[in-house]
Amino acid sequence: MHIIIIGCGRVGSQLAQILSHEGHNVVIIDKNQKSFKRLGSEFNGISITGIGFDPDILKRAGIERADAVAAVTNGDNSNIMVSEIAKKIYNVPQVITRIYDPLRADIYRKFGLNTISTTTLVARIFRSAILKESSKLKFSIGQDLGLLEYKVREPDKGEK
């Protein structure tokens, strides 16, 4: 697959490394050249310095032939803009958008964006850990349903 990732922070760089290692053609875009250091020497994709919603940058990244776009910058507005452009102008088949604000994630999901609110997912995991409850979290990404299951371990004897 030809996959474009917008944002080379912790999530973007990790995603790029995983997909690159699996043999996908990965292009990662970030406005800060220094962010690409996170990719390490094993990354065999392409990195482009620039703004992820700039049409010229997207064309350099091969948006016309992209199978997927993941917008994972640290800004909801940038992620939304990139996703809208990828989906509505370039008809990229799979577009996933990280949105920090849970309310905005719900709103944009209703408008057809495939959103993941990491804030909501992590808050639910922490809640279960605090209450020492194992849990199954259901979340949707567009028409697809995801399930995250985890078990809270019992403390060792002597731990509180």
C-alpha atoms as a PDB file:
ATOM      1  CA  MET A   1       0.000   0.000   0.000  1.00  0.00           C
ATOM      2  CA  HIS A   2       1.021   3.609  -0.552  1.00  0.00           C
ATOM      3  CA  ILE A   3       0.412   5.304   2.802  1.00  0.00           C
ATOM      4  CA  ILE A   4       0.875   8.954   3.706  1.00  0.00           C
ATOM      5  CA  ILE A   5       1.292   9.947   7.341  1.00  0.00           C
ATOM      6  CA  ILE A   6       0.941  13.563   8.372  1.00  0.00           C
ATOM      7  CA  GLY A   7       2.841  14.274  11.582  1.00  0.00           C
ATOM      8  CA  CYS A   8       6.119  12.729  12.706  1.00  0.00           C
ATOM      9  CA  GLY A   9       5.601  12.935  16.451  1.00  0.00           C
ATOM     10  CA  ARG A  10       5.565   9.887  18.680  1.00  0.00           C
ATOM     11  CA  VAL A  11       2.507   8.297  17.075  1.00  0.00           C
ATOM     12  CA  GLY A  12       3.344   9.215  13.486  1.00  0.00           C
ATOM     13  CA  SER A  13       6.943   8.034  13.694  1.00  0.00           C
ATOM     14  CA  GLN A  14       5.940   4.755  15.360  1.00  0.00           C
ATOM     15  CA  LEU A  15       3.235   4.157  12.753  1.00  0.00           C
ATOM     16  CA  ALA A  16       5.669   4.951   9.933  1.00  0.00           C
ATOM     17  CA  GLN A  17       8.253   2.535  11.321  1.00  0.00           C
ATOM     18  CA  ILE A  18       5.714  -0.273  11.694  1.00  0.00           C
ATOM     19  CA  LEU A  19       4.223   0.138   8.218  1.00  0.00           C
ATOM     20  CA  SER A  20       7.623   0.576   6.588  1.00  0.00           C
ATOM     21  CA  HIS A  21       8.903  -2.569   8.301  1.00  0.00           C
ATOM     22  CA  GLU A  22       5.858  -4.452   6.970  1.00  0.00           C
ATOM     23  CA  GLY A  23       6.843  -3.497   3.426  1.00  0.00           C
ATOM     24  CA  HIS A  24       4.411  -0.685   2.682  1.00  0.00           C
ATOM     25  CA  ASN A  25       5.425   2.426   0.754  1.00  0.00           C
ATOM     26  CA  VAL A  26       5.348   5.112   3.431  1.00  0.00           C
ATOM     27  CA  VAL A  27       5.651   8.860   3.030  1.00  0.00           C
ATOM     28  CA  ILE A  28       5.687  10.931   6.204  1.00  0.00           C
ATOM     29  CA  ILE A  29       5.210  14.694   6.255  1.00  0.00           C
ATOM     30  CA  ASP A  30       6.081  17.060   9.091  1.00  0.00           C
ATOM     31  CA  LYS A  31       6.699  20.786   9.245  1.00  0.00           C
ATOM     32  CA  ASN A  32       9.758  20.284  11.458  1.00  0.00           C
ATOM     33  CA  GLN A  33      12.743  18.586   9.793  1.00  0.00           C
ATOM     34  CA  LYS A  34      14.150  17.566  13.212  1.00  0.00           C
ATOM     35  CA  SER A  35      11.091  15.368  13.847  1.00  0.00           C
ATOM     36  CA  PHE A  36      12.361  12.839  11.316  1.00  0.00           C
ATOM     37  CA  LYS A  37      15.143  11.821  13.716  1.00  0.00           C
ATOM     38  CA  ARG A  38      12.465   9.757  15.484  1.00  0.00           C
ATOM     39  CA  LEU A  39      12.261   7.469  12.456  1.00  0.00           C
ATOM     40  CA  GLY A  40      15.661   5.903  13.060  1.00  0.00           C
ATOM     41  CA  SER A  41      17.926   4.248  10.520  1.00  0.00           C
ATOM     42  CA  GLU A  42      15.597   1.299   9.804  1.00  0.00           C
ATOM     43  CA  PHE A  43      12.932   3.505   8.173  1.00  0.00           C
ATOM     44  CA  ASN A  44      13.041   3.042   4.417  1.00  0.00           C
ATOM     45  CA  GLY A  45      10.241   5.403   3.421  1.00  0.00           C
ATOM     46  CA  ILE A  46      10.278   9.016   2.302  1.00  0.00           C
ATOM     47  CA  SER A  47      10.152  12.030   4.595  1.00  0.00           C
ATOM     48  CA  ILE A  48       8.996  15.435   3.363  1.00  0.00           C
ATOM     49  CA  THR A  49       9.324  18.675   5.295  1.00  0.00           C
ATOM     50  CA  GLY A  50       6.268  20.869   4.893  1.00  0.00           C
ATOM     51  CA  ILE A  51       2.702  21.598   5.913  1.00  0.00           C
ATOM     52  CA  GLY A  52       0.537  18.505   5.574  1.00  0.00           C
ATOM     53  CA  PHE A  53      -2.419  20.223   3.937  1.00  0.00           C
ATOM     54  CA  ASP A  54      -0.337  22.095   1.332  1.00  0.00           C
ATOM     55  CA  PRO A  55      -1.468  20.780  -2.093  1.00  0.00           C
ATOM     56  CA  ASP A  56       2.080  20.846  -3.506  1.00  0.00           C
ATOM     57  CA  ILE A  57       3.419  18.855  -0.545  1.00  0.00           C
ATOM     58  CA  LEU A  58       0.585  16.330  -0.856  1.00  0.00           C
ATOM     59  CA  LYS A  59       1.277  15.926  -4.573  1.00  0.00           C
ATOM     60  CA  ARG A  60       4.994  15.351  -3.853  1.00  0.00           C
ATOM     61  CA  ALA A  61       3.895  12.669  -1.387  1.00  0.00           C
ATOM     62  CA  GLY A  62       1.847  10.941  -4.093  1.00  0.00           C
ATOM     63  CA  ILE A  63      -1.638  11.700  -2.787  1.00  0.00           C
ATOM     64  CA  GLU A  64      -3.162  10.863  -6.198  1.00  0.00           C
ATOM     65  CA  ARG A  65      -2.150   7.208  -5.756  1.00  0.00           C
ATOM     66  CA  ALA A  66      -2.441   6.963  -1.965  1.00  0.00           C
ATOM     67  CA  ASP A  67      -4.304   3.993  -0.542  1.00  0.00           C
ATOM     68  CA  ALA A  68      -4.467   5.568   2.910  1.00  0.00           C
ATOM     69  CA  VAL A  69      -3.765   8.773   4.817  1.00  0.00           C
ATOM     70  CA  ALA A  70      -3.278   9.008   8.573  1.00  0.00           C
ATOM     71  CA  ALA A  71      -3.461  12.516  10.046  1.00  0.00           C
ATOM     72  CA  VAL A  72      -1.718  12.369  13.422  1.00  0.00           C
ATOM     73  CA  THR A  73      -0.294  15.846  14.038  1.00  0.00           C
ATOM     74  CA  ASN A  74      -0.717  17.485  17.436  1.00  0.00           C
ATOM     75  CA  GLY A  75      -3.376  19.839  16.061  1.00  0.00           C
ATOM     76  CA  ASP A  76      -7.007  18.871  15.564  1.00  0.00           C
ATOM     77  CA  ASN A  77      -7.574  21.592  12.945  1.00  0.00           C
ATOM     78  CA  SER A  78      -4.618  20.461  10.830  1.00  0.00           C
ATOM     79  CA  ASN A  79      -5.716  16.837  11.053  1.00  0.00           C
ATOM     80  CA  ILE A  80      -9.262  17.717  10.038  1.00  0.00           C
ATOM     81  CA  MET A  81      -8.084  19.832   7.082  1.00  0.00           C
ATOM     82  CA  VAL A  82      -5.719  17.135   5.789  1.00  0.00           C
ATOM     83  CA  SER A  83      -8.396  14.489   6.133  1.00  0.00           C
ATOM     84  CA  GLU A  84     -11.038  16.521   4.342  1.00  0.00           C
ATOM     85  CA  ILE A  85      -8.638  17.266   1.477  1.00  0.00           C
ATOM     86  CA  ALA A  86      -7.541  13.630   1.190  1.00  0.00           C
ATOM     87  CA  LYS A  87     -11.086  12.304   1.316  1.00  0.00           C
ATOM     88  CA  LYS A  88     -13.051  14.862  -0.697  1.00  0.00           C
ATOM     89  CA  ILE A  89     -10.542  16.184  -3.239  1.00  0.00           C
ATOM     90  CA  TYR A  90      -8.283  13.172  -3.823  1.00  0.00           C
ATOM     91  CA  ASN A  91     -10.749  10.385  -2.969  1.00  0.00           C
ATOM     92  CA  VAL A  92      -8.231   8.483  -0.856  1.00  0.00           C
ATOM     93  CA  PRO A  93      -9.996   5.226   0.096  1.00  0.00           C
ATOM     94  CA  GLN A  94      -8.887   5.081   3.742  1.00  0.00           C
ATOM     95  CA  VAL A  95      -8.439   8.270   5.776  1.00  0.00           C
ATOM     96  CA  ILE A  96      -7.977   8.137   9.555  1.00  0.00           C
ATOM     97  CA  THR A  97      -7.904  11.257  11.718  1.00  0.00           C
ATOM     98  CA  ARG A  98      -6.646  11.632  15.271  1.00  0.00           C
ATOM     99  CA  ILE A  99      -8.642  14.237  17.182  1.00  0.00           C
ATOM    100  CA  TYR A 100      -7.811  15.095  20.762  1.00  0.00           C
ATOM    101  CA  ASP A 101     -11.094  16.833  21.613  1.00  0.00           C
ATOM    102  CA  PRO A 102     -13.730  14.094  22.149  1.00  0.00           C
ATOM    103  CA  LEU A 103     -16.642  16.417  21.302  1.00  0.00           C
ATOM    104  CA  ARG A 104     -15.081  17.421  18.012  1.00  0.00           C
ATOM    105  CA  ALA A 105     -14.282  13.783  17.244  1.00  0.00           C
ATOM    106  CA  ASP A 106     -17.967  12.882  17.630  1.00  0.00           C
ATOM    107  CA  ILE A 107     -19.078  15.820  15.486  1.00  0.00           C
ATOM    108  CA  TYR A 108     -16.666  15.061  12.659  1.00  0.00           C
ATOM    109  CA  ARG A 109     -17.457  11.347  12.849  1.00  0.00           C
ATOM    110  CA  LYS A 110     -21.102  12.267  12.186  1.00  0.00           C
ATOM    111  CA  PHE A 111     -19.909  14.226   9.124  1.00  0.00           C
ATOM    112  CA  GLY A 112     -18.205  11.111   7.793  1.00  0.00           C
ATOM    113  CA  LEU A 113     -14.603  11.449   8.975  1.00  0.00           C
ATOM    114  CA  ASN A 114     -12.967   8.349  10.405  1.00  0.00           C
ATOM    115  CA  THR A 115     -11.813   9.739  13.734  1.00  0.00           C
ATOM    116  CA  ILE A 116      -9.966   8.308  16.696  1.00  0.00           C
ATOM    117  CA  SER A 117     -10.070  10.282  19.925  1.00  0.00           C
ATOM    118  CA  THR A 118      -6.991   9.122  21.774  1.00  0.00           C
ATOM    119  CA  THR A 119      -8.055  11.287  24.701  1.00  0.00           C
ATOM    120  CA  THR A 120     -11.212   9.240  25.196  1.00  0.00           C
ATOM    121  CA  LEU A 121      -9.487   5.885  24.730  1.00  0.00           C
ATOM    122  CA  VAL A 122      -6.681   6.657  27.165  1.00  0.00           C
ATOM    123  CA  ALA A 123      -9.071   8.127  29.750  1.00  0.00           C
ATOM    124  CA  ARG A 124     -11.137   4.924  29.667  1.00  0.00           C
ATOM    125  CA  ILE A 125      -8.024   2.788  30.087  1.00  0.00           C
ATOM    126  CA  PHE A 126      -6.858   4.862  33.060  1.00  0.00           C
ATOM    127  CA  ARG A 127     -10.318   4.679  34.637  1.00  0.00           C
ATOM    128  CA  SER A 128     -10.307   0.902  34.417  1.00  0.00           C
ATOM    129  CA  ALA A 129      -6.768   0.700  35.805  1.00  0.00           C
ATOM    130  CA  ILE A 130      -7.630   2.965  38.747  1.00  0.00           C
ATOM    131  CA  LEU A 131     -10.732   0.934  39.551  1.00  0.00           C
ATOM    132  CA  LYS A 132      -8.845  -2.315  38.890  1.00  0.00           C
ATOM    133  CA  GLU A 133     -11.412  -3.403  36.334  1.00  0.00           C
ATOM    134  CA  SER A 134     -10.614  -5.406  33.256  1.00  0.00           C
ATOM    135  CA  SER A 135     -12.414  -3.949  30.338  1.00  0.00           C
ATOM    136  CA  LYS A 136     -13.460  -4.176  26.727  1.00  0.00           C
ATOM    137  CA  LEU A 137     -13.626  -0.843  24.957  1.00  0.00           C
ATOM    138  CA  LYS A 138     -15.655  -0.566  21.789  1.00  0.00           C
ATOM    139  CA  PHE A 139     -14.941   2.304  19.442  1.00  0.00           C
ATOM    140  CA  SER A 140     -15.858   3.053  15.877  1.00  0.00           C
ATOM    141  CA  ILE A 141     -13.682   4.219  13.048  1.00  0.00           C
ATOM    142  CA  GLY A 142     -16.151   5.195  10.368  1.00  0.00           C
ATOM    143  CA  GLN A 143     -18.253   2.158   9.558  1.00  0.00           C
ATOM    144  CA  ASP A 144     -15.799  -0.205  11.250  1.00  0.00           C
ATOM    145  CA  LEU A 145     -15.941  -1.153  14.892  1.00  0.00           C
ATOM    146  CA  GLY A 146     -12.817  -1.601  16.967  1.00  0.00           C
ATOM    147  CA  LEU A 147     -12.469  -3.518  20.174  1.00  0.00           C
ATOM    148  CA  LEU A 148      -9.715  -3.047  22.697  1.00  0.00           C
ATOM    149  CA  GLU A 149      -9.591  -5.621  25.466  1.00  0.00           C
ATOM    150  CA  TYR A 150      -7.250  -5.558  28.408  1.00  0.00           C
ATOM    151  CA  LYS A 151      -7.039  -7.123  31.825  1.00  0.00           C
ATOM    152  CA  VAL A 152      -5.949  -5.355  34.949  1.00  0.00           C
ATOM    153  CA  ARG A 153      -3.450  -7.523  36.772  1.00  0.00           C
ATOM    154  CA  GLU A 154      -3.869  -8.415  40.404  1.00  0.00           C
ATOM    155  CA  PRO A 155      -1.195  -6.898  42.652  1.00  0.00           C
ATOM    156  CA  ASP A 156       1.515  -9.289  43.800  1.00  0.00           C
ATOM    157  CA  LYS A 157       1.350 -10.364  47.425  1.00  0.00           C
ATOM    158  CA  GLY A 158       2.940  -7.635  49.508  1.00  0.00           C
ATOM    159  CA  GLU A 159       1.876  -4.890  46.999  1.00  0.00           C
ATOM    160  CA  LYS A 160      -1.006  -2.611  47.779  1.00  0.00           C
END
